[in-house]
Amino acid sequence: MEFEFEALPWQIIFGNSALKRLPSELDKHGLSRALVLSTLEQRHHADIVADLIEQRCAGIFDQAVMHVPIETVFA
């Protein structure tokens, strides 16, 4: 097996006011649009994020899956 892996620097913002910082974090990184990802079960959280970033929301993808699906494990 051969592959290349390049990891970008990570930044984790944690705390009660972390979500409120999202618009300024988009500005800080020069991002004008963002795609919001969620599971179907957590779609209401994605809607809150989309409302927060308003017109910068490129869309919501609510078909993400948490962890590895069991079908993939046994494939």
N, C-alpha and C. Protein backbone atom coordinates (compact mmCIF):
# COMPACT_ATOMS: atom_id res chain seq x y z
N MET A 1 0.85 -1.17 0.00
CA MET A 1 0.00 0.00 0.00
C MET A 1 0.90 1.24 0.00
N GLU A 2 0.52 2.22 -0.79
CA GLU A 2 1.23 3.49 -0.83
C GLU A 2 0.22 4.63 -0.71
N PHE A 3 0.60 5.66 -0.02
CA PHE A 3 -0.25 6.85 0.06
C PHE A 3 0.54 8.00 0.62
N GLU A 4 0.03 9.18 0.41
CA GLU A 4 0.59 10.39 1.00
C GLU A 4 -0.47 11.01 1.88
N PHE A 5 -0.02 11.57 2.97
CA PHE A 5 -0.95 12.22 3.90
C PHE A 5 -0.37 13.56 4.29
N GLU A 6 -1.14 14.59 4.13
CA GLU A 6 -0.72 15.93 4.52
C GLU A 6 -1.76 16.49 5.47
N ALA A 7 -1.35 16.77 6.67
CA ALA A 7 -2.29 17.30 7.67
C ALA A 7 -2.11 18.80 7.80
N LEU A 8 -3.20 19.49 7.79
CA LEU A 8 -3.17 20.94 7.99
C LEU A 8 -3.14 21.23 9.48
N PRO A 9 -2.67 22.39 9.86
CA PRO A 9 -2.73 22.74 11.28
C PRO A 9 -4.18 22.76 11.78
N TRP A 10 -4.36 22.37 13.00
CA TRP A 10 -5.68 22.31 13.60
C TRP A 10 -5.86 23.44 14.60
N GLN A 11 -7.07 23.89 14.72
CA GLN A 11 -7.42 24.85 15.75
C GLN A 11 -8.75 24.39 16.33
N ILE A 12 -8.79 24.20 17.63
CA ILE A 12 -10.02 23.80 18.30
C ILE A 12 -10.44 24.93 19.21
N ILE A 13 -11.67 25.38 19.04
CA ILE A 13 -12.22 26.43 19.89
C ILE A 13 -13.33 25.79 20.70
N PHE A 14 -13.19 25.84 22.00
CA PHE A 14 -14.11 25.14 22.89
C PHE A 14 -14.67 26.11 23.92
N GLY A 15 -15.94 25.99 24.23
CA GLY A 15 -16.52 26.80 25.30
C GLY A 15 -17.94 27.23 24.97
N ASN A 16 -18.59 27.83 25.94
CA ASN A 16 -19.98 28.24 25.78
C ASN A 16 -20.19 29.23 24.65
N SER A 17 -19.21 30.08 24.40
CA SER A 17 -19.37 31.11 23.37
C SER A 17 -18.67 30.75 22.06
N ALA A 18 -18.22 29.52 21.92
CA ALA A 18 -17.44 29.13 20.74
C ALA A 18 -18.21 29.33 19.44
N LEU A 19 -19.47 28.93 19.40
CA LEU A 19 -20.25 29.04 18.17
C LEU A 19 -20.41 30.49 17.73
N LYS A 20 -20.54 31.40 18.68
CA LYS A 20 -20.68 32.82 18.35
C LYS A 20 -19.47 33.36 17.61
N ARG A 21 -18.33 32.69 17.77
CA ARG A 21 -17.10 33.13 17.12
C ARG A 21 -17.00 32.70 15.66
N LEU A 22 -17.90 31.85 15.20
CA LEU A 22 -17.79 31.31 13.85
C LEU A 22 -17.71 32.38 12.77
N PRO A 23 -18.58 33.39 12.75
CA PRO A 23 -18.45 34.42 11.70
C PRO A 23 -17.08 35.09 11.69
N SER A 24 -16.54 35.42 12.84
CA SER A 24 -15.23 36.07 12.87
C SER A 24 -14.12 35.10 12.48
N GLU A 25 -14.30 33.81 12.75
CA GLU A 25 -13.31 32.82 12.32
C GLU A 25 -13.33 32.67 10.80
N LEU A 26 -14.51 32.73 10.20
CA LEU A 26 -14.58 32.70 8.73
C LEU A 26 -13.84 33.90 8.16
N ASP A 27 -14.05 35.08 8.75
CA ASP A 27 -13.34 36.29 8.31
C ASP A 27 -11.84 36.12 8.45
N LYS A 28 -11.42 35.62 9.59
CA LYS A 28 -10.00 35.47 9.90
C LYS A 28 -9.28 34.60 8.87
N HIS A 29 -9.98 33.60 8.35
CA HIS A 29 -9.39 32.69 7.38
C HIS A 29 -9.74 33.05 5.93
N GLY A 30 -10.39 34.20 5.73
CA GLY A 30 -10.71 34.66 4.39
C GLY A 30 -11.75 33.80 3.68
N LEU A 31 -12.66 33.23 4.43
CA LEU A 31 -13.68 32.35 3.84
C LEU A 31 -14.99 33.09 3.66
N SER A 32 -15.50 33.09 2.44
CA SER A 32 -16.76 33.78 2.17
C SER A 32 -17.95 32.83 2.17
N ARG A 33 -17.70 31.53 2.05
CA ARG A 33 -18.77 30.53 2.02
C ARG A 33 -18.35 29.33 2.86
N ALA A 34 -19.33 28.65 3.43
CA ALA A 34 -19.06 27.45 4.22
C ALA A 34 -20.18 26.45 4.01
N LEU A 35 -19.82 25.20 3.85
CA LEU A 35 -20.79 24.11 3.76
C LEU A 35 -20.92 23.52 5.16
N VAL A 36 -22.13 23.44 5.66
CA VAL A 36 -22.38 22.93 7.00
C VAL A 36 -22.70 21.44 6.90
N LEU A 37 -21.96 20.63 7.64
CA LEU A 37 -22.14 19.18 7.61
C LEU A 37 -22.76 18.71 8.92
N SER A 38 -23.66 17.75 8.83
CA SER A 38 -24.25 17.16 10.04
C SER A 38 -24.83 15.79 9.71
N THR A 39 -25.17 15.07 10.75
CA THR A 39 -25.95 13.86 10.56
C THR A 39 -27.41 14.28 10.45
N LEU A 40 -28.24 13.39 9.97
CA LEU A 40 -29.67 13.71 9.87
C LEU A 40 -30.26 13.96 11.26
N GLU A 41 -29.78 13.19 12.24
CA GLU A 41 -30.29 13.33 13.61
C GLU A 41 -29.91 14.67 14.24
N GLN A 42 -28.85 15.28 13.77
CA GLN A 42 -28.40 16.55 14.35
C GLN A 42 -28.63 17.73 13.40
N ARG A 43 -29.56 17.57 12.49
CA ARG A 43 -29.85 18.60 11.51
C ARG A 43 -30.23 19.92 12.18
N HIS A 44 -30.92 19.88 13.31
CA HIS A 44 -31.32 21.12 13.98
C HIS A 44 -30.10 21.95 14.38
N HIS A 45 -29.00 21.30 14.73
CA HIS A 45 -27.77 22.03 15.04
C HIS A 45 -27.21 22.70 13.78
N ALA A 46 -27.27 21.99 12.67
CA ALA A 46 -26.80 22.54 11.40
C ALA A 46 -27.62 23.77 11.01
N ASP A 47 -28.92 23.72 11.25
CA ASP A 47 -29.77 24.87 10.96
C ASP A 47 -29.38 26.09 11.79
N ILE A 48 -29.01 25.86 13.04
CA ILE A 48 -28.56 26.96 13.91
C ILE A 48 -27.29 27.58 13.36
N VAL A 49 -26.36 26.74 12.93
CA VAL A 49 -25.10 27.23 12.36
C VAL A 49 -25.38 28.00 11.07
N ALA A 50 -26.23 27.45 10.22
CA ALA A 50 -26.57 28.12 8.96
C ALA A 50 -27.20 29.49 9.21
N ASP A 51 -28.08 29.57 10.18
CA ASP A 51 -28.69 30.85 10.53
C ASP A 51 -27.65 31.85 11.02
N LEU A 52 -26.67 31.36 11.75
CA LEU A 52 -25.63 32.22 12.30
C LEU A 52 -24.76 32.83 11.20
N ILE A 53 -24.42 32.03 10.20
CA ILE A 53 -23.52 32.55 9.15
C ILE A 53 -24.28 33.12 7.95
N GLU A 54 -25.60 33.05 8.01
CA GLU A 54 -26.50 33.69 7.04
C GLU A 54 -26.12 33.38 5.59
N GLN A 55 -25.91 34.42 4.78
CA GLN A 55 -25.68 34.26 3.34
C GLN A 55 -24.37 33.55 3.03
N ARG A 56 -23.52 33.38 4.02
CA ARG A 56 -22.26 32.68 3.79
C ARG A 56 -22.46 31.17 3.75
N CYS A 57 -23.62 30.70 4.15
CA CYS A 57 -23.89 29.26 4.15
C CYS A 57 -24.10 28.80 2.71
N ALA A 58 -23.20 27.95 2.24
CA ALA A 58 -23.30 27.43 0.88
C ALA A 58 -24.33 26.31 0.80
N GLY A 59 -24.74 25.80 1.94
CA GLY A 59 -25.72 24.72 1.99
C GLY A 59 -25.52 23.88 3.23
N ILE A 60 -26.44 22.95 3.42
CA ILE A 60 -26.34 22.01 4.53
C ILE A 60 -26.36 20.61 3.96
N PHE A 61 -25.37 19.81 4.32
CA PHE A 61 -25.34 18.40 3.97
C PHE A 61 -25.63 17.62 5.24
N ASP A 62 -26.81 17.01 5.31
CA ASP A 62 -27.22 16.32 6.54
C ASP A 62 -27.17 14.80 6.42
N GLN A 63 -26.35 14.30 5.51
CA GLN A 63 -26.24 12.86 5.31
C GLN A 63 -24.90 12.31 5.79
N ALA A 64 -24.18 13.09 6.58
CA ALA A 64 -22.91 12.60 7.13
C ALA A 64 -23.22 11.47 8.11
N VAL A 65 -22.26 10.59 8.29
CA VAL A 65 -22.43 9.50 9.25
C VAL A 65 -21.33 9.60 10.30
N MET A 66 -21.69 9.29 11.52
CA MET A 66 -20.71 9.31 12.60
C MET A 66 -19.94 8.00 12.58
N HIS A 67 -18.64 8.11 12.66
CA HIS A 67 -17.77 6.94 12.71
C HIS A 67 -17.88 6.14 11.42
N VAL A 68 -17.47 4.93 11.43
CA VAL A 68 -17.48 4.10 10.23
C VAL A 68 -18.76 3.26 10.21
N PRO A 69 -19.53 3.36 9.11
CA PRO A 69 -20.75 2.54 9.02
C PRO A 69 -20.41 1.05 9.10
N ILE A 70 -21.26 0.27 9.73
CA ILE A 70 -21.03 -1.16 9.90
C ILE A 70 -20.89 -1.87 8.56
N GLU A 71 -21.60 -1.38 7.53
CA GLU A 71 -21.51 -1.99 6.20
C GLU A 71 -20.09 -1.86 5.65
N THR A 72 -19.42 -0.75 5.96
CA THR A 72 -18.05 -0.55 5.51
C THR A 72 -17.10 -1.48 6.25
N VAL A 73 -17.35 -1.69 7.52
CA VAL A 73 -16.49 -2.56 8.32
C VAL A 73 -16.46 -3.97 7.76
N PHE A 74 -17.62 -4.48 7.34
CA PHE A 74 -17.72 -5.85 6.87
C PHE A 74 -17.53 -5.99 5.36
N ALA A 75 -17.25 -4.91 4.66
CA ALA A 75 -17.08 -4.96 3.20
C ALA A 75 -15.74 -5.57 2.83
